Protein backbone atom coordinates (compact mmCIF):
# COMPACT_ATOMS: atom_id res chain seq x y z
CA MET A 1 -0.03 -0.03 0.04
CA ASP A 2 1.24 3.51 -0.70
CA LYS A 3 0.60 6.53 1.53
CA PHE A 4 -2.23 7.56 -0.71
CA ASN A 5 -4.61 4.76 -0.03
CA GLY A 6 -3.44 2.82 3.05
CA PRO A 7 -5.40 0.60 5.36
CA GLU A 8 -6.19 3.64 7.54
CA ASP A 9 -7.89 5.33 4.62
CA GLU A 10 -10.01 2.29 3.89
CA ALA A 11 -11.11 2.09 7.51
CA LEU A 12 -12.13 5.82 7.26
CA VAL A 13 -13.97 5.19 4.01
CA ARG A 14 -15.96 2.26 5.61
CA ALA A 15 -16.76 4.41 8.63
CA ALA A 16 -17.81 7.36 6.44
CA MET A 17 -19.99 5.12 4.32
CA ALA A 18 -21.68 3.97 7.54
CA GLY A 19 -22.46 7.59 8.52
CA ASP A 20 -19.46 8.61 10.73
CA ARG A 21 -19.11 12.32 10.15
CA ASP A 22 -15.65 12.49 11.88
CA ALA A 23 -14.38 9.91 9.41
CA LEU A 24 -15.81 11.85 6.47
CA ARG A 25 -14.19 15.08 7.77
CA ALA A 26 -10.84 13.31 8.10
CA LEU A 27 -11.15 11.94 4.52
CA TRP A 28 -12.02 15.42 3.28
CA HIS A 29 -8.96 16.96 4.82
CA ARG A 30 -6.66 14.28 3.43
CA ASN A 31 -8.05 14.55 -0.07
CA ARG A 32 -8.99 18.23 -0.41
CA GLY A 33 -5.72 19.26 -2.04
CA TRP A 34 -5.84 16.88 -5.01
CA ILE A 35 -9.58 17.44 -5.42
CA ALA A 36 -8.76 21.16 -5.87
CA ALA A 37 -6.29 20.19 -8.57
CA ILE A 38 -8.98 18.28 -10.37
CA LEU A 39 -11.29 21.18 -10.20
CA LEU A 40 -8.57 23.49 -11.47
CA ALA A 41 -8.17 21.16 -14.45
CA HIS A 42 -11.88 21.31 -15.32
CA LYS A 43 -13.39 24.52 -13.96
CA PRO A 44 -14.33 27.44 -16.12
CA ARG A 45 -12.02 30.45 -15.79
CA GLN A 46 -14.46 32.59 -13.82
CA ALA A 47 -15.62 29.93 -11.36
CA ASP A 48 -14.50 30.36 -7.86
CA LEU A 49 -12.36 27.35 -6.65
CA GLU A 50 -13.59 27.58 -3.00
CA ASP A 51 -17.23 27.63 -4.12
CA LEU A 52 -16.64 24.52 -6.22
CA LEU A 53 -14.79 22.82 -3.31
CA GLN A 54 -17.80 23.53 -1.08
CA THR A 55 -20.11 22.10 -3.64
CA VAL A 56 -17.97 18.94 -3.84
CA ALA A 57 -17.97 18.67 0.03
CA MET A 58 -21.71 18.93 0.17
CA THR A 59 -22.11 16.39 -2.59
CA ILE A 60 -19.82 13.97 -0.73
CA VAL A 61 -21.83 14.37 2.45
CA ARG A 62 -25.05 13.75 0.61
CA THR A 63 -23.88 10.72 -1.43
CA VAL A 64 -20.97 8.94 0.25
CA HIS A 65 -23.22 6.02 1.07
CA THR A 66 -23.41 5.26 -2.65
CA VAL A 67 -19.70 4.35 -2.95
CA ARG A 68 -19.35 0.71 -4.16
CA ASP A 69 -16.45 -0.27 -1.85
CA GLU A 70 -13.42 1.35 -0.21
CA GLN A 71 -11.19 0.82 -3.22
CA ALA A 72 -13.50 2.84 -5.41
CA PHE A 73 -13.48 5.88 -3.08
CA LYS A 74 -10.70 7.94 -4.77
CA PRO A 75 -12.03 7.42 -8.30
CA TRP A 76 -15.54 8.24 -7.05
CA LEU A 77 -14.20 11.52 -5.52
CA ARG A 78 -12.54 12.37 -8.82
CA THR A 79 -15.84 11.81 -10.64
CA VAL A 80 -17.70 14.01 -8.15
CA ALA A 81 -15.15 16.80 -8.59
CA THR A 82 -15.18 16.52 -12.37
CA ASN A 83 -18.95 16.67 -12.52
CA VAL A 84 -19.11 19.70 -10.21
CA ALA A 85 -16.64 21.60 -12.42
CA ARG A 86 -18.43 20.64 -15.62
CA ALA A 87 -21.72 21.69 -14.14
CA ALA A 88 -20.20 25.12 -13.30
CA GLY A 89 -19.09 25.31 -16.95
CA ARG A 90 -22.62 24.59 -18.18
CA LYS A 91 -23.98 27.18 -15.72
CA GLN A 92 -21.48 29.76 -16.97
CA LYS A 93 -22.48 29.10 -20.63
CA VAL A 94 -26.12 29.73 -19.77
CA GLU A 95 -25.24 32.93 -17.94
CA SER A 96 -23.20 34.10 -20.90
CA ARG A 97 -26.09 33.56 -23.24
CA VAL A 98 -28.33 35.52 -20.91
CA ARG A 99 -25.87 38.50 -20.92
CA LEU A 100 -25.63 38.34 -24.70
CA THR A 101 -29.42 38.58 -25.22
CA GLY A 102 -29.40 41.87 -23.25
CA THR A 103 -31.26 40.70 -20.13
CA ASP A 104 -28.19 41.31 -18.05
CA ARG A 105 -25.35 43.82 -18.26
CA PRO A 106 -21.94 42.46 -19.36
CA GLU A 107 -19.34 42.19 -16.68
CA PRO A 108 -16.55 44.64 -16.87
CA ALA A 109 -13.39 43.52 -18.72
CA GLU A 110 -10.53 42.33 -16.59
CA VAL A 111 -7.89 45.00 -16.28
CA GLY A 112 -4.18 44.38 -16.14
CA ASP A 113 -1.98 41.33 -16.86
CA ARG A 114 -2.31 38.13 -15.09
CA GLU A 115 0.88 36.88 -13.47
CA HIS A 116 2.94 34.41 -15.39
CA ALA A 117 1.75 31.40 -13.35
CA GLN A 118 -1.82 32.15 -14.14
CA ARG A 119 -1.10 32.35 -17.88
CA VAL A 120 0.58 28.93 -17.69
CA LEU A 121 -2.40 27.51 -15.75
CA ASP A 122 -4.70 28.93 -18.45
CA LEU A 123 -2.63 27.25 -21.11
CA ALA A 124 -2.73 24.00 -19.16
CA ARG A 125 -6.50 24.11 -19.11
CA GLN A 126 -6.46 23.92 -22.90
CA LEU A 127 -4.80 20.59 -22.89
CA PRO A 128 -7.03 17.52 -23.40
CA ASP A 129 -8.33 15.99 -20.15
CA GLY A 130 -6.13 12.97 -20.44
CA TYR A 131 -3.01 15.19 -20.30
CA ARG A 132 -4.25 18.13 -18.22
CA GLU A 133 -5.35 16.08 -15.17
CA PRO A 134 -2.16 14.13 -14.63
CA LEU A 135 0.06 17.13 -15.35
CA LEU A 136 -1.78 19.30 -12.78
CA LEU A 137 -1.98 16.64 -10.14
CA ARG A 138 1.80 16.16 -10.58
CA CYS A 139 2.80 19.78 -10.86
CA VAL A 140 0.31 21.57 -8.64
CA LYS A 141 -0.31 18.88 -6.03
CA GLY A 142 3.07 17.09 -6.18
CA MET A 143 1.38 13.72 -6.35
CA SER A 144 3.48 10.65 -7.28
CA TYR A 145 2.90 8.75 -10.52
CA ARG A 146 1.44 5.92 -8.40
CA GLU A 147 -0.97 8.23 -6.61
CA ILE A 148 -2.17 9.77 -9.87
CA ALA A 149 -2.57 6.37 -11.43
CA ARG A 150 -4.76 5.26 -8.54
CA VAL A 151 -6.96 8.40 -8.66
CA LEU A 152 -7.35 8.31 -12.54
CA GLU A 153 -7.54 4.49 -12.67
CA ILE A 154 -5.00 4.10 -15.41
CA PRO A 155 -1.50 2.39 -15.44
CA GLU A 156 1.42 4.28 -13.98
CA THR A 157 3.40 4.01 -17.13
CA THR A 158 0.47 5.75 -18.98
CA ILE A 159 0.65 8.54 -16.36
CA GLU A 160 4.36 9.05 -17.03
CA THR A 161 3.81 9.24 -20.72
CA ARG A 162 0.86 11.64 -20.49
CA ILE A 163 2.78 13.97 -18.22
CA ALA A 164 5.74 14.05 -20.51
CA ARG A 165 3.44 14.65 -23.60
CA GLY A 166 1.39 17.15 -21.62
CA ARG A 167 4.51 19.19 -20.88
CA ARG A 168 5.44 19.11 -24.54
CA MET A 169 1.99 20.21 -25.58
CA LEU A 170 2.11 23.02 -22.99
CA ARG A 171 5.35 24.36 -24.44
CA GLU A 172 3.84 24.23 -27.93
CA LEU A 173 0.73 26.08 -26.85
CA ALA A 174 2.86 28.75 -25.15
CA ARG A 175 4.88 29.23 -28.38
CA ASP A 176 1.78 29.34 -30.49
CA GLU A 177 0.18 31.93 -28.26
CA GLY A 178 3.37 34.05 -27.96
CA ALA A 179 3.78 33.42 -24.25
CA GLY A 180 7.38 32.37 -24.72
CA GLU A 181 9.00 29.31 -23.41
CA VAL A 182 7.35 27.70 -20.34
CA GLU A 183 7.96 24.69 -18.24
CA LEU A 184 5.69 23.34 -15.58
CA VAL A 185 7.81 21.31 -13.17
CA ALA A 186 6.87 19.38 -10.07
CA ARG A 187 8.91 20.60 -7.19
CA LYS A 188 7.63 19.47 -3.87
CA LYS A 189 4.11 18.67 -2.69
CA GLY A 190 1.85 21.63 -2.91
CA THR A 191 4.04 23.99 -4.88
CA VAL A 192 4.26 24.90 -8.57
CA ASP A 193 7.51 25.83 -10.33
CA VAL A 194 6.93 27.67 -13.53
CA ARG A 195 9.91 28.33 -15.68
CA SER A 196 10.10 30.74 -18.54
């Protein structure tokens, strides 16, 4: 067992599925960071990450009893987070159409430049899901290839390949958009190193 899904996690999942709120709270605190990375990979640009995290937490509280078994918990969490982010995207599209029809005023344009890290994150969001998720889990959350493979339910060697290709695609996107050379590198857990 790796640190990501040890016997203690499985016991917490069983307890949470049985209605133990303390176990559920402990699981949330252990997994919140990588859930945020999944949301970052899928959320629309204007969506607030904290609002989405709260929605994920509420969904988990309401539906944790539906998890098939302890081993399926991490992939189930990923699905919940992905669905919440996609729902936010659908909502944002509807709101954009409402503004375009004139029933609402357009929001003021953003003023000023975003910092370099935000530009790189925006570029990373353009990558296909299969490359974006592993890359952000590795570079933003500092997860190991094994941990990412467990969450995404794909082989570890596939994760390594997708991260390497994702970095290459990110560099190409940056060149195409005139952002210069960029490199998204995993440093240590919870930090992002963006090189230009």
